[in-house]
Amino acid sequence: MGFRISLLIGVFCFLYALLGFKLYNIQLDKGGYYSAKAASLTEWSSSSVSNRGSIYLTDSSGSEIPAAINRYYPQIYAAPKDIADASSTITKLDDILGSGNLPSNMPQIFQNKKSMYSILINRATQAQADAIDSAKIMGVYVNDVVGRYYPLGSLASQVIGYVSKNSPENGIYGAEKYYNNALNGSSGNGSSASSFGGDIHLTIDRNIQSQAEYLLGEAVAKYQAAGGTFIVEDPSTGKILALANLPDFDPNSYWQYPVSSFLDPTIQNVFEPGSIMKPITMASALDAGAVQTSTQYYDSGKLVLNGQTIMDWDHKAHGWTDMTTVIADSLNIGAAFVEGKLGNAAFLNYLQKFGFSEDTGIDLPGEVIGSMRQLTRAHSEQIDYATASFGQGISATPMRMVEAISAIANHGVMMRPFIDADQSPKEVRRVVSATAADETAVMMEHDVMHGKLAEIPGYTVAGKSGTAQVPDLKTGGYTNQVIDSYIGFAPALNPKFVALIVLYKPAGAPLSGIVVPYWQQLASFILNYYNVPPDNYQPSSSTSQ
C-alpha cells in the first residue's frame, strides 16, 4: 500500500516538474516569440481593416462580384529582443529573402532590444513565409494578418482605388477613399452603407467594364497612344456602367506603379472636346428657336472673325447647307453660324445649363472642372465664341461630356452620375426641351448613317466624332498632337446607354475615325448583353416599282 502511494506521489511530482519546465520554456526561453506574436495580433486586431466593408461590382443579373475584400496575408516580423547575433541574422535573411525585399535599416531595428515586434515584410508571399518557417531563425517569425485584397486585379482600378498597406483603415483614391467612412463603419459621405463596416455595391458592370478595358487596350496598343478612356452610362438614371482607363494599375501591388496611374482621367483630366461639342451647340440653338432643322446657311469654305480664319476640317466650301448636314459632315463654319444665330450671352447660358461651369457631382474623389475662361474673360471676342461652338478653346472632363450628351439622349433632362448602386437616381435639371433633344439625336443618327463606321445592324445609333488638338501650355497655341474621341448612344430615341471613348495622343495624329470601330464593338456588345430589341429592323425583299 505504501509503495503505491509513493509511486503516485512520484508520478505527480514528475508531471509538476515537466509542467514547470514547459512554463519556463514558454515564459523565458520562448517568451520573446509569444510576446511578439501577441503584440502582432494586438496591433492588427486594433486596426479597422478586419471590419472594413467590402466593395462589389455587379452584372446584368444583379450578382455581387467581389472587388475589394479582406483576407489573411503572411507577415514576416522580428522580435529584436530574441536576436542574439544581429549581423548573422541579417546575413541569413539576405540569403533567404534577398536584401531588396527587406528594410534597409535592419541593423537599427535589431539594435532596439526592447522591441518585441518589428515588421520586416508586411505582405510576404507564401514562398517567403515557408522559407522563414523552415529556416527557424531565432527572433524572426511569421504571422497571419488581415489585409485588403482585390480579386479582380487591375479591373476598374481607378474606380475602386486602394487602401494604404501601412494604414489599412485609410482609403486612397477611388471608392475606397470616397466611401472610407462608410467602409470603416463611421458616417460621413452620404452612403446607404450600414454604420459598422458597411459594404458598397457599385453600379459598375463587371462584363461591360471588362469589354471596355479590352477594347481600349487594343486601341492604345495599335495607335501607340499615351492612354485612353472609355465611359458607359445609363442616361435615364445616371448609373455608371463602366469607367475604363489606361494606364491602370493593380491595387494589390500599387506601390510598384507611378502616382500618375492612380489618377482617374474621367474626372481628373480635362481636354478640348473638339467636334463632340457640336451637338451641344445645336441642341441649344434648337431649344432657343434660333434655328430649325431646315435652316440653311451658305458655306463658302472660310469664315473670318477678328482677323482670324475658321475653316472646315476638309478645307472645302460646302455651299448651301442645312443643320443636319452641319452635324453629319462636322462643319466648323456651320457650328459657328449656329452660335452666331443663338447669340453669345445665350450660348454661354446654355453651356452653363449643360454643366460646363460645375462638376458633375459623381461620388468619386478629386473631380475637377474644365475651363470656359475664353468666354468669361473681360475682353472675349466673337472668334472665342465661334471656336467654342465646335469645342476649341474651352475644356471639360470626359465625364462632363458624357453628362452633357446624356442630357440630349435623355430627352433634355440631365441626371447626376453615380457609382453607389444603393443610391437613387437624381435629376439635376432640364437642360433643353424634349423636342430640341430628340431633333439633335436624329441629326446625330444621320452622322452615323453618313460615316457608316458606327452602324449596328438592326439598331438606330446616334453619334458624333471629335478630334481636338493638344494645347501647347508653354508657348501657347497648339502642338501637332491630337486627342481623338467618339460619343454616341443607342437606340437613338430610347437609349440603353451613352458611351464615350477618348484616345490621348495617338501616334501620327490621325483623325477621330480610328476610335469609332472600338466604340461600335462595345456598343454592339452592350445591346446584345442587355438583349435590347432591334428598333431598325429592315426585312430583305425585292424592291417593287
Protein backbone atom coordinates (compact mmCIF):
# COMPACT_ATOMS: atom_id res chain seq x y z
CA MET A 1 0.00 0.00 0.00
CA GLY A 2 2.82 2.36 0.97
CA PHE A 3 4.63 1.58 -2.26
CA ARG A 4 1.61 2.53 -4.38
CA ILE A 5 1.21 5.84 -2.58
CA SER A 6 4.90 6.61 -3.01
CA LEU A 7 4.65 5.75 -6.73
CA LEU A 8 1.67 8.06 -7.24
CA ILE A 9 3.44 10.86 -5.41
CA GLY A 10 6.49 10.35 -7.59
CA VAL A 11 4.43 10.43 -10.79
CA PHE A 12 2.67 13.64 -9.78
CA CYS A 13 5.97 15.23 -8.81
CA PHE A 14 7.37 14.35 -12.24
CA LEU A 15 4.35 15.81 -14.00
CA TYR A 16 4.57 19.01 -11.99
CA ALA A 17 8.27 19.25 -12.80
CA LEU A 18 7.50 18.73 -16.51
CA LEU A 19 4.80 21.40 -16.37
CA GLY A 20 7.18 23.78 -14.64
CA PHE A 21 9.80 23.20 -17.32
CA LYS A 22 7.17 23.87 -20.01
CA LEU A 23 6.14 27.12 -18.33
CA TYR A 24 9.79 28.14 -18.07
CA ASN A 25 10.29 27.34 -21.75
CA ILE A 26 7.26 29.43 -22.75
CA GLN A 27 7.84 32.37 -20.42
CA LEU A 28 11.61 32.67 -20.53
CA ASP A 29 13.17 30.69 -23.34
CA LYS A 30 10.46 31.49 -25.96
CA GLY A 31 8.94 34.44 -24.20
CA GLY A 32 10.02 36.83 -26.92
CA TYR A 33 8.35 34.75 -29.59
CA TYR A 34 4.99 34.59 -27.85
CA SER A 35 5.19 38.22 -26.74
CA ALA A 36 5.89 39.27 -30.31
CA LYS A 37 3.05 37.13 -31.61
CA ALA A 38 0.69 38.67 -29.07
CA ALA A 39 1.90 42.13 -29.99
CA SER A 40 1.30 41.49 -33.67
CA LEU A 41 -2.19 40.17 -33.02
CA THR A 42 -2.98 43.12 -30.76
CA GLU A 43 -1.71 45.65 -33.28
CA TRP A 44 -3.68 44.19 -36.18
CA SER A 45 -6.82 43.42 -34.22
CA SER A 46 -6.97 47.08 -33.25
CA SER A 47 -6.97 48.02 -36.94
CA SER A 48 -10.33 48.60 -38.55
CA VAL A 49 -9.31 46.70 -41.68
CA SER A 50 -10.62 43.44 -40.24
CA ASN A 51 -14.06 45.06 -40.01
CA ARG A 52 -13.82 47.13 -43.18
CA GLY A 53 -16.69 46.56 -45.56
CA SER A 54 -16.25 45.02 -48.99
CA ILE A 55 -16.74 46.60 -52.41
CA TYR A 56 -18.70 44.74 -55.08
CA LEU A 57 -19.26 45.11 -58.80
CA THR A 58 -22.36 43.70 -60.46
CA ASP A 59 -23.58 42.19 -63.73
CA SER A 60 -26.82 42.12 -65.71
CA SER A 61 -28.30 39.51 -63.39
CA GLY A 62 -27.58 41.58 -60.28
CA SER A 63 -24.86 39.28 -58.93
CA GLU A 64 -22.39 40.54 -56.32
CA ILE A 65 -18.83 40.30 -57.66
CA PRO A 66 -16.16 40.96 -55.01
CA ALA A 67 -13.77 43.74 -56.00
CA ALA A 68 -12.26 44.67 -52.61
CA ILE A 69 -12.34 42.29 -49.64
CA ASN A 70 -10.31 41.40 -46.54
CA ARG A 71 -8.08 38.31 -46.39
CA TYR A 72 -5.15 36.95 -44.44
CA TYR A 73 -1.59 37.55 -45.62
CA PRO A 74 1.66 36.10 -44.26
CA GLN A 75 3.65 38.71 -42.41
CA ILE A 76 7.35 38.31 -41.55
CA TYR A 77 8.39 40.18 -38.43
CA ALA A 78 11.21 40.26 -35.94
CA ALA A 79 11.43 40.28 -32.14
CA PRO A 80 14.83 42.02 -31.70
CA LYS A 81 14.78 41.06 -28.03
CA ASP A 82 15.25 37.41 -29.12
CA ILE A 83 18.06 38.10 -31.62
CA ALA A 84 21.47 37.31 -30.16
CA ASP A 85 23.61 37.94 -33.25
CA ALA A 86 22.13 40.70 -35.42
CA SER A 87 24.83 40.51 -38.09
CA SER A 88 24.41 36.77 -38.58
CA THR A 89 20.62 37.08 -38.65
CA ILE A 90 20.75 39.81 -41.32
CA THR A 91 23.05 37.66 -43.45
CA LYS A 92 20.69 34.69 -43.21
CA LEU A 93 17.68 36.87 -44.10
CA ASP A 94 19.52 38.35 -47.08
CA ASP A 95 20.32 34.86 -48.33
CA ILE A 96 16.74 33.62 -47.93
CA LEU A 97 14.67 36.68 -48.90
CA GLY A 98 17.07 38.94 -50.77
CA SER A 99 18.20 42.29 -49.41
CA GLY A 100 15.93 44.15 -51.83
CA ASN A 101 12.86 42.72 -50.07
CA LEU A 102 13.97 43.74 -46.58
CA PRO A 103 14.10 47.10 -44.73
CA SER A 104 17.34 48.99 -45.36
CA ASN A 105 17.55 49.93 -41.67
CA MET A 106 17.55 46.38 -40.26
CA PRO A 107 20.72 46.97 -38.19
CA GLN A 108 18.96 49.81 -36.40
CA ILE A 109 15.79 47.72 -35.98
CA PHE A 110 17.72 44.85 -34.41
CA GLN A 111 19.58 47.16 -32.02
CA ASN A 112 16.32 48.01 -30.24
CA LYS A 113 16.36 45.14 -27.75
CA LYS A 114 13.17 46.36 -26.07
CA SER A 115 11.18 45.75 -29.23
CA MET A 116 9.13 42.58 -29.50
CA TYR A 117 7.51 43.37 -32.85
CA SER A 118 9.10 44.95 -35.92
CA ILE A 119 7.65 44.25 -39.37
CA LEU A 120 10.17 43.09 -41.95
CA ILE A 121 7.80 42.19 -44.81
CA ASN A 122 4.21 43.27 -44.35
CA ARG A 123 2.70 41.21 -47.16
CA ALA A 124 5.00 38.31 -47.79
CA THR A 125 4.46 35.68 -50.42
CA GLN A 126 3.65 32.17 -49.26
CA ALA A 127 7.05 31.03 -50.57
CA GLN A 128 8.81 33.65 -48.45
CA ALA A 129 6.79 32.67 -45.39
CA ASP A 130 7.53 28.97 -45.90
CA ALA A 131 11.24 29.70 -46.28
CA ILE A 132 11.34 31.59 -42.97
CA ASP A 133 9.38 28.87 -41.21
CA SER A 134 11.82 26.24 -42.47
CA ALA A 135 14.91 28.26 -41.54
CA LYS A 136 13.82 28.56 -37.88
CA ILE A 137 15.80 31.76 -37.28
CA MET A 138 15.51 32.78 -33.64
CA GLY A 139 13.81 36.16 -33.36
CA VAL A 140 12.28 36.09 -36.87
CA TYR A 141 8.74 34.81 -37.15
CA VAL A 142 5.74 34.51 -39.46
CA ASN A 143 2.23 35.55 -38.57
CA ASP A 144 -1.04 35.81 -40.50
CA VAL A 145 -2.51 39.32 -40.59
CA VAL A 146 -5.62 40.76 -42.19
CA GLY A 147 -5.11 42.94 -45.26
CA ARG A 148 -7.05 44.31 -48.23
CA TYR A 149 -7.27 42.13 -51.31
CA TYR A 150 -8.53 42.99 -54.80
CA PRO A 151 -9.67 39.77 -56.55
CA LEU A 152 -10.14 41.44 -59.95
CA GLY A 153 -6.62 42.86 -60.09
CA SER A 154 -6.39 45.94 -62.29
CA LEU A 155 -10.04 45.81 -63.43
CA ALA A 156 -11.70 49.16 -62.65
CA SER A 157 -8.68 50.04 -60.51
CA GLN A 158 -9.14 53.83 -60.65
CA VAL A 159 -12.81 53.44 -59.69
CA ILE A 160 -12.07 51.15 -56.74
CA GLY A 161 -8.84 52.77 -55.52
CA TYR A 162 -6.89 51.09 -52.72
CA VAL A 163 -6.06 51.26 -49.01
CA SER A 164 -2.60 52.03 -47.68
CA LYS A 165 -0.65 48.91 -46.81
CA ASN A 166 0.76 50.75 -43.79
CA SER A 167 -2.56 52.29 -42.70
CA PRO A 168 -5.18 49.80 -43.87
CA GLU A 169 -8.03 51.89 -42.48
CA ASN A 170 -7.19 54.71 -44.91
CA GLY A 171 -8.70 54.52 -48.37
CA ILE A 172 -6.58 56.11 -51.07
CA TYR A 173 -8.24 57.14 -54.35
CA GLY A 174 -11.49 55.86 -55.84
CA ALA A 175 -14.40 54.40 -53.89
CA GLU A 176 -12.01 53.24 -51.15
CA LYS A 177 -11.36 56.93 -50.40
CA TYR A 178 -14.77 58.44 -51.16
CA TYR A 179 -16.61 55.86 -49.05
CA ASN A 180 -13.83 55.42 -46.49
CA ASN A 181 -16.02 56.33 -43.51
CA ALA A 182 -18.84 54.03 -44.53
CA LEU A 183 -16.48 51.13 -45.23
CA ASN A 184 -14.86 51.58 -41.83
CA GLY A 185 -18.22 51.82 -40.10
CA SER A 186 -18.48 55.57 -39.47
CA SER A 187 -20.81 58.06 -41.10
CA GLY A 188 -19.85 60.97 -43.26
CA ASN A 189 -20.34 60.64 -47.01
CA GLY A 190 -24.00 60.01 -47.64
CA SER A 191 -23.72 56.33 -48.48
CA SER A 192 -26.51 54.00 -47.52
CA ALA A 193 -23.94 51.56 -46.09
CA SER A 194 -24.51 50.33 -42.53
CA SER A 195 -22.86 52.02 -39.54
CA PHE A 196 -20.38 49.18 -38.88
CA GLY A 197 -18.13 48.14 -41.72
CA GLY A 198 -20.76 48.61 -44.42
CA ASP A 199 -20.37 47.11 -47.90
CA ILE A 200 -20.51 49.26 -51.04
CA HIS A 201 -22.23 47.92 -54.14
CA LEU A 202 -21.08 49.67 -57.29
CA THR A 203 -23.10 50.23 -60.45
CA ILE A 204 -20.06 49.15 -62.49
CA ASP A 205 -20.97 46.09 -64.54
CA ARG A 206 -18.03 43.68 -64.50
CA ASN A 207 -18.71 42.39 -68.03
CA ILE A 208 -19.13 45.80 -69.66
CA GLN A 209 -16.07 47.06 -67.76
CA SER A 210 -14.01 44.08 -68.92
CA GLN A 211 -15.03 44.54 -72.54
CA ALA A 212 -14.35 48.29 -72.39
CA GLU A 213 -10.87 47.73 -70.95
CA TYR A 214 -10.09 45.04 -73.52
CA LEU A 215 -11.08 47.24 -76.47
CA LEU A 216 -9.33 50.26 -75.00
CA GLY A 217 -6.16 48.21 -74.61
CA GLU A 218 -6.32 47.20 -78.27
CA ALA A 219 -6.79 50.81 -79.39
CA VAL A 220 -3.96 52.17 -77.22
CA ALA A 221 -1.59 49.45 -78.40
CA LYS A 222 -2.45 49.73 -82.10
CA TYR A 223 -2.07 53.51 -82.24
CA GLN A 224 0.71 53.80 -79.64
CA ALA A 225 -1.39 56.27 -77.66
CA ALA A 226 -0.37 57.85 -74.37
CA GLY A 227 -3.56 56.50 -72.84
CA GLY A 228 -7.29 56.21 -73.22
CA THR A 229 -10.68 56.40 -71.55
CA PHE A 230 -13.99 54.58 -72.02
CA ILE A 231 -17.13 55.65 -70.12
CA VAL A 232 -20.53 53.97 -70.27
CA GLU A 233 -23.61 55.44 -68.54
CA ASP A 234 -27.32 54.77 -68.39
CA PRO A 235 -28.64 58.24 -69.38
CA SER A 236 -32.09 57.72 -67.84
CA THR A 237 -30.71 57.15 -64.33
CA GLY A 238 -27.11 58.37 -64.27
CA LYS A 239 -25.76 54.92 -63.32
CA ILE A 240 -22.17 54.48 -64.44
CA LEU A 241 -21.80 51.06 -66.04
CA ALA A 242 -18.10 51.29 -66.92
CA LEU A 243 -15.16 53.61 -66.24
CA ALA A 244 -12.11 52.25 -68.05
CA ASN A 245 -8.74 54.00 -68.20
CA LEU A 246 -5.25 53.28 -69.43
CA PRO A 247 -2.68 53.36 -67.96
CA ASP A 248 -4.12 51.49 -64.96
CA PHE A 249 -2.61 49.62 -62.01
CA ASP A 250 -3.03 46.59 -59.76
CA PRO A 251 -4.16 47.76 -56.30
CA ASN A 252 -2.70 44.58 -54.76
CA SER A 253 0.76 45.99 -55.50
CA TYR A 254 0.02 49.68 -56.01
CA TRP A 255 3.42 50.73 -54.66
CA GLN A 256 5.04 49.39 -57.82
CA TYR A 257 3.25 51.98 -60.01
CA PRO A 258 3.77 55.73 -60.58
CA VAL A 259 1.34 58.09 -58.86
CA SER A 260 0.01 59.18 -62.26
CA SER A 261 -1.53 55.72 -62.70
CA PHE A 262 -3.83 56.28 -59.71
CA LEU A 263 -5.49 59.42 -61.10
CA ASP A 264 -8.85 58.92 -62.81
CA PRO A 265 -8.76 60.71 -66.18
CA THR A 266 -12.55 60.51 -66.49
CA ILE A 267 -12.92 63.15 -63.76
CA GLN A 268 -9.38 64.46 -63.24
CA ASN A 269 -8.26 65.17 -66.79
CA VAL A 270 -9.57 68.00 -68.96
CA PHE A 271 -9.35 68.26 -72.72
CA GLU A 272 -10.70 70.40 -75.52
CA PRO A 273 -13.59 68.25 -76.74
CA GLY A 274 -13.50 69.24 -80.39
CA SER A 275 -16.44 68.33 -82.59
CA ILE A 276 -18.30 66.27 -79.97
CA MET A 277 -19.29 69.73 -78.71
CA LYS A 278 -21.32 70.44 -81.87
CA PRO A 279 -24.47 68.57 -80.73
CA ILE A 280 -24.45 70.73 -77.57
CA THR A 281 -24.33 73.89 -79.68
CA MET A 282 -27.07 72.60 -81.98
CA ALA A 283 -29.41 71.45 -79.19
CA SER A 284 -29.05 74.86 -77.50
CA ALA A 285 -29.95 76.78 -80.67
CA LEU A 286 -32.88 74.46 -81.46
CA ASP A 287 -34.20 74.88 -77.91
CA ALA A 288 -33.97 78.67 -78.12
CA GLY A 289 -35.67 78.71 -81.54
CA ALA A 290 -32.61 80.39 -83.07
CA VAL A 291 -32.51 77.75 -85.82
CA GLN A 292 -34.70 74.94 -87.07
CA THR A 293 -33.62 71.67 -88.63
CA SER A 294 -34.45 73.16 -92.04
CA THR A 295 -32.43 76.36 -91.53
CA GLN A 296 -29.76 76.85 -94.20
CA TYR A 297 -26.60 78.92 -94.49
CA TYR A 298 -24.01 79.39 -97.23
CA ASP A 299 -20.66 77.72 -96.54
CA SER A 300 -18.00 79.49 -98.60
CA GLY A 301 -15.17 77.49 -97.08
CA LYS A 302 -13.85 80.33 -94.94
CA LEU A 303 -15.12 82.49 -92.09
CA VAL A 304 -13.02 85.46 -90.92
CA LEU A 305 -13.66 86.78 -87.40
CA ASN A 306 -11.47 89.25 -85.51
CA GLY A 307 -8.74 88.80 -88.09
CA GLN A 308 -8.67 85.01 -87.75
CA THR A 309 -9.91 82.46 -90.26
CA ILE A 310 -12.10 79.47 -89.48
CA MET A 311 -12.16 76.61 -91.99
CA ASP A 312 -13.90 73.25 -92.13
CA TRP A 313 -11.85 70.15 -91.38
CA ASP A 314 -11.67 69.23 -95.08
CA HIS A 315 -10.75 72.80 -96.19
CA LYS A 316 -13.63 72.73 -98.69
CA ALA A 317 -16.58 75.00 -99.45
CA HIS A 318 -19.92 73.22 -98.98
CA GLY A 319 -22.32 75.81 -100.46
CA TRP A 320 -25.89 75.95 -99.19
CA THR A 321 -26.10 73.63 -96.20
CA ASP A 322 -28.82 72.69 -93.69
CA MET A 323 -28.45 72.00 -89.97
CA THR A 324 -28.48 68.21 -90.24
CA THR A 325 -25.51 68.39 -92.59
CA VAL A 326 -23.64 70.58 -90.09
CA ILE A 327 -23.66 67.63 -87.69
CA ALA A 328 -23.37 64.85 -90.29
CA ASP A 329 -20.41 66.48 -92.07
CA SER A 330 -18.98 68.01 -88.87
CA LEU A 331 -18.72 71.53 -90.29
CA ASN A 332 -16.91 74.11 -88.17
CA ILE A 333 -18.27 77.05 -90.14
CA GLY A 334 -21.77 75.65 -89.67
CA ALA A 335 -21.30 75.39 -85.89
CA ALA A 336 -20.05 78.99 -85.81
CA PHE A 337 -23.13 80.05 -87.83
CA VAL A 338 -25.42 78.30 -85.32
CA GLU A 339 -23.69 80.01 -82.38
CA GLY A 340 -23.99 83.35 -84.13
CA LYS A 341 -27.74 82.88 -84.59
CA LEU A 342 -28.08 81.90 -80.91
CA GLY A 343 -26.03 84.84 -79.61
CA ASN A 344 -23.07 84.92 -77.26
CA ALA A 345 -24.93 85.52 -74.00
CA ALA A 346 -27.47 82.77 -74.73
CA PHE A 347 -24.74 80.36 -75.83
CA LEU A 348 -22.81 80.90 -72.59
CA ASN A 349 -26.01 80.44 -70.60
CA TYR A 350 -26.73 77.10 -72.30
CA LEU A 351 -23.18 75.89 -71.69
CA GLN A 352 -23.73 76.64 -68.01
CA LYS A 353 -27.05 74.75 -68.10
CA PHE A 354 -25.21 71.81 -69.65
CA GLY A 355 -22.90 71.97 -66.63
CA PHE A 356 -19.64 73.19 -68.12
CA SER A 357 -19.04 75.58 -65.21
CA GLU A 358 -19.55 72.96 -62.47
CA ASP A 359 -18.56 69.44 -61.53
CA THR A 360 -20.91 66.55 -62.22
CA GLY A 361 -21.26 65.57 -58.55
CA ILE A 362 -20.25 61.97 -59.16
CA ASP A 363 -19.44 60.05 -55.97
CA LEU A 364 -15.70 59.78 -56.62
CA PRO A 365 -12.94 61.93 -55.09
CA GLY A 366 -10.94 64.66 -56.77
CA GLU A 367 -13.26 65.71 -59.60
CA VAL A 368 -12.05 68.82 -61.43
CA ILE A 369 -13.88 71.35 -63.59
CA GLY A 370 -12.95 72.37 -67.10
CA SER A 371 -12.42 75.95 -68.23
CA MET A 372 -14.63 78.45 -70.04
CA ARG A 373 -12.25 81.33 -69.37
CA GLN A 374 -12.15 82.06 -73.09
CA LEU A 375 -15.81 83.09 -72.87
CA THR A 376 -15.94 84.67 -69.41
CA ARG A 377 -12.86 86.90 -69.50
CA ALA A 378 -13.30 90.66 -69.75
CA HIS A 379 -12.38 91.01 -73.41
CA SER A 380 -13.81 87.93 -75.11
CA GLU A 381 -14.21 88.28 -78.85
CA GLN A 382 -16.56 86.74 -81.38
CA ILE A 383 -13.82 84.37 -82.54
CA ASP A 384 -13.71 82.92 -79.00
CA TYR A 385 -17.41 82.04 -79.09
CA ALA A 386 -17.19 80.73 -82.64
CA THR A 387 -14.36 78.31 -81.87
CA ALA A 388 -16.06 77.24 -78.63
CA SER A 389 -19.09 76.20 -80.71
CA PHE A 390 -17.00 73.38 -82.16
CA GLY A 391 -15.13 72.56 -78.96
CA GLN A 392 -11.92 74.55 -79.29
CA GLY A 393 -10.60 76.92 -76.64
CA ILE A 394 -12.78 75.55 -73.85
CA SER A 395 -12.18 72.37 -71.87
CA ALA A 396 -14.11 69.73 -69.99
CA THR A 397 -13.58 66.37 -68.33
CA PRO A 398 -14.67 63.24 -70.21
CA MET A 399 -17.34 62.74 -67.53
CA ARG A 400 -18.77 66.21 -68.17
CA MET A 401 -19.02 65.44 -71.88
CA VAL A 402 -20.85 62.20 -71.12
CA GLU A 403 -23.28 64.09 -68.89
CA ALA A 404 -23.93 66.76 -71.49
CA ILE A 405 -24.63 64.25 -74.28
CA SER A 406 -26.63 62.09 -71.83
CA ALA A 407 -28.96 65.05 -71.31
CA ILE A 408 -29.65 65.01 -75.06
CA ALA A 409 -30.08 61.22 -75.02
CA ASN A 410 -32.47 61.53 -72.06
CA HIS A 411 -34.81 63.88 -73.96
CA GLY A 412 -33.31 67.03 -72.46
CA VAL A 413 -33.05 66.02 -68.78
CA MET A 414 -29.66 65.78 -67.07
CA MET A 415 -29.19 63.14 -64.35
CA ARG A 416 -26.44 63.13 -61.71
CA PRO A 417 -23.90 60.36 -62.38
CA PHE A 418 -23.28 57.88 -59.55
CA ILE A 419 -21.47 54.61 -58.80
CA ASP A 420 -23.09 53.59 -55.47
CA ALA A 421 -25.87 51.24 -56.55
CA ASP A 422 -27.72 51.78 -53.27
CA GLN A 423 -28.35 55.43 -54.16
CA SER A 424 -31.43 56.62 -56.02
CA PRO A 425 -31.29 58.43 -59.37
CA LYS A 426 -31.30 62.21 -59.01
CA GLU A 427 -32.41 64.69 -61.65
CA VAL A 428 -30.13 67.71 -61.95
CA ARG A 429 -32.33 69.85 -64.22
CA ARG A 430 -33.95 70.05 -67.60
CA VAL A 431 -31.40 71.50 -69.99
CA VAL A 432 -33.33 71.69 -73.27
CA SER A 433 -36.78 70.68 -74.41
CA ALA A 434 -37.54 67.11 -75.36
CA THR A 435 -38.18 68.30 -78.92
CA ALA A 436 -34.78 70.01 -79.22
CA ALA A 437 -33.02 67.00 -77.69
CA ASP A 438 -34.74 64.48 -79.97
CA GLU A 439 -34.14 66.59 -83.08
CA THR A 440 -30.44 66.71 -82.17
CA ALA A 441 -30.42 62.95 -81.62
CA VAL A 442 -31.85 62.43 -85.11
CA MET A 443 -29.11 64.69 -86.53
CA MET A 444 -26.53 62.56 -84.72
CA GLU A 445 -28.19 59.49 -86.22
CA HIS A 446 -27.61 60.99 -89.67
CA ASP A 447 -23.96 61.43 -88.72
CA VAL A 448 -23.73 57.68 -88.10
CA MET A 449 -25.51 56.85 -91.35
CA HIS A 450 -23.15 59.20 -93.18
CA GLY A 451 -19.94 57.84 -91.62
CA LYS A 452 -21.05 54.17 -91.54
CA LEU A 453 -18.33 53.03 -89.09
CA ALA A 454 -20.59 53.20 -86.00
CA GLU A 455 -23.58 51.48 -87.63
CA ILE A 456 -25.04 48.44 -85.85
CA PRO A 457 -27.35 46.28 -87.97
CA GLY A 458 -30.91 46.40 -86.68
CA TYR A 459 -30.45 49.46 -84.48
CA THR A 460 -30.65 53.22 -84.79
CA VAL A 461 -27.43 54.75 -83.49
CA ALA A 462 -26.74 58.41 -82.70
CA GLY A 463 -23.13 59.53 -82.50
CA LYS A 464 -20.51 62.20 -83.07
CA SER A 465 -16.75 62.08 -83.52
CA GLY A 466 -14.22 64.65 -82.37
CA THR A 467 -10.58 65.47 -83.00
CA ALA A 468 -9.01 68.06 -80.72
CA GLN A 469 -5.53 69.49 -80.95
CA VAL A 470 -3.46 69.32 -77.76
CA PRO A 471 -2.67 72.85 -76.49
CA ASP A 472 0.95 73.89 -76.03
CA LEU A 473 0.95 75.06 -72.41
CA LYS A 474 4.45 76.54 -72.64
CA THR A 475 4.33 78.68 -75.77
CA GLY A 476 0.60 78.96 -76.39
CA GLY A 477 -1.23 77.73 -79.47
CA TYR A 478 -1.36 74.03 -80.26
CA THR A 479 1.02 71.13 -80.69
CA ASN A 480 0.90 68.64 -83.56
CA GLN A 481 -0.62 66.02 -81.24
CA VAL A 482 -4.34 65.26 -81.03
CA ILE A 483 -6.99 63.71 -78.80
CA ASP A 484 -9.49 61.57 -80.69
CA SER A 485 -12.95 60.82 -79.35
CA TYR A 486 -16.32 59.38 -80.22
CA ILE A 487 -19.55 59.63 -78.24
CA GLY A 488 -22.91 58.08 -79.00
CA PHE A 489 -25.96 56.21 -77.81
CA ALA A 490 -28.39 53.54 -78.96
CA PRO A 491 -31.18 53.00 -79.73
CA ALA A 492 -31.21 56.63 -80.85
CA LEU A 493 -34.54 57.75 -79.32
CA ASN A 494 -34.72 55.24 -76.46
CA PRO A 495 -31.10 54.70 -75.49
CA LYS A 496 -29.92 51.99 -73.15
CA PHE A 497 -26.52 53.61 -72.79
CA VAL A 498 -24.30 56.54 -73.69
CA ALA A 499 -20.65 55.67 -74.33
CA LEU A 500 -17.57 57.84 -74.86
CA ILE A 501 -14.15 56.67 -75.98
CA VAL A 502 -11.15 59.02 -75.82
CA LEU A 503 -7.67 58.23 -77.15
CA TYR A 504 -4.89 60.53 -75.92
CA LYS A 505 -2.09 61.46 -78.33
CA PRO A 506 -2.22 58.58 -80.83
CA ALA A 507 0.94 58.35 -82.93
CA GLY A 508 0.78 60.23 -86.21
CA ALA A 509 -2.15 62.44 -85.09
CA PRO A 510 -4.81 60.55 -87.09
CA LEU A 511 -8.41 61.75 -87.35
CA SER A 512 -11.07 60.55 -84.90
CA GLY A 513 -12.34 57.80 -87.18
CA ILE A 514 -9.73 55.46 -85.71
CA VAL A 515 -11.66 55.12 -82.44
CA VAL A 516 -15.10 54.54 -83.97
CA PRO A 517 -14.69 50.78 -84.60
CA TYR A 518 -13.85 50.23 -80.90
CA TRP A 519 -16.91 52.23 -79.87
CA GLN A 520 -19.03 50.23 -82.30
CA GLN A 521 -17.78 46.93 -80.89
CA LEU A 522 -18.58 47.94 -77.32
CA ALA A 523 -21.99 49.30 -78.32
CA SER A 524 -22.83 46.04 -80.10
CA PHE A 525 -21.72 44.08 -77.05
CA ILE A 526 -23.94 46.14 -74.71
CA LEU A 527 -27.03 45.82 -76.90
CA ASN A 528 -26.59 42.05 -77.11
CA TYR A 529 -25.68 41.78 -73.43
CA TYR A 530 -28.90 43.50 -72.38
CA ASN A 531 -30.97 41.77 -75.08
CA VAL A 532 -32.19 45.14 -76.37
CA PRO A 533 -34.81 44.55 -79.11
CA PRO A 534 -33.80 45.91 -82.55
CA ASP A 535 -35.58 49.15 -83.44
CA ASN A 536 -34.44 49.41 -87.04
CA TYR A 537 -35.37 46.03 -88.49
CA GLN A 538 -35.38 46.10 -92.28
CA PRO A 539 -36.52 42.80 -93.84
CA SER A 540 -34.82 41.93 -97.09
CA SER A 541 -37.18 41.86 -100.03
CA SER A 542 -37.20 42.67 -103.70
CA THR A 543 -37.88 46.33 -104.46
CA SER A 544 -41.25 46.91 -106.14
CA GLN A 545 -41.56 49.51 -108.87
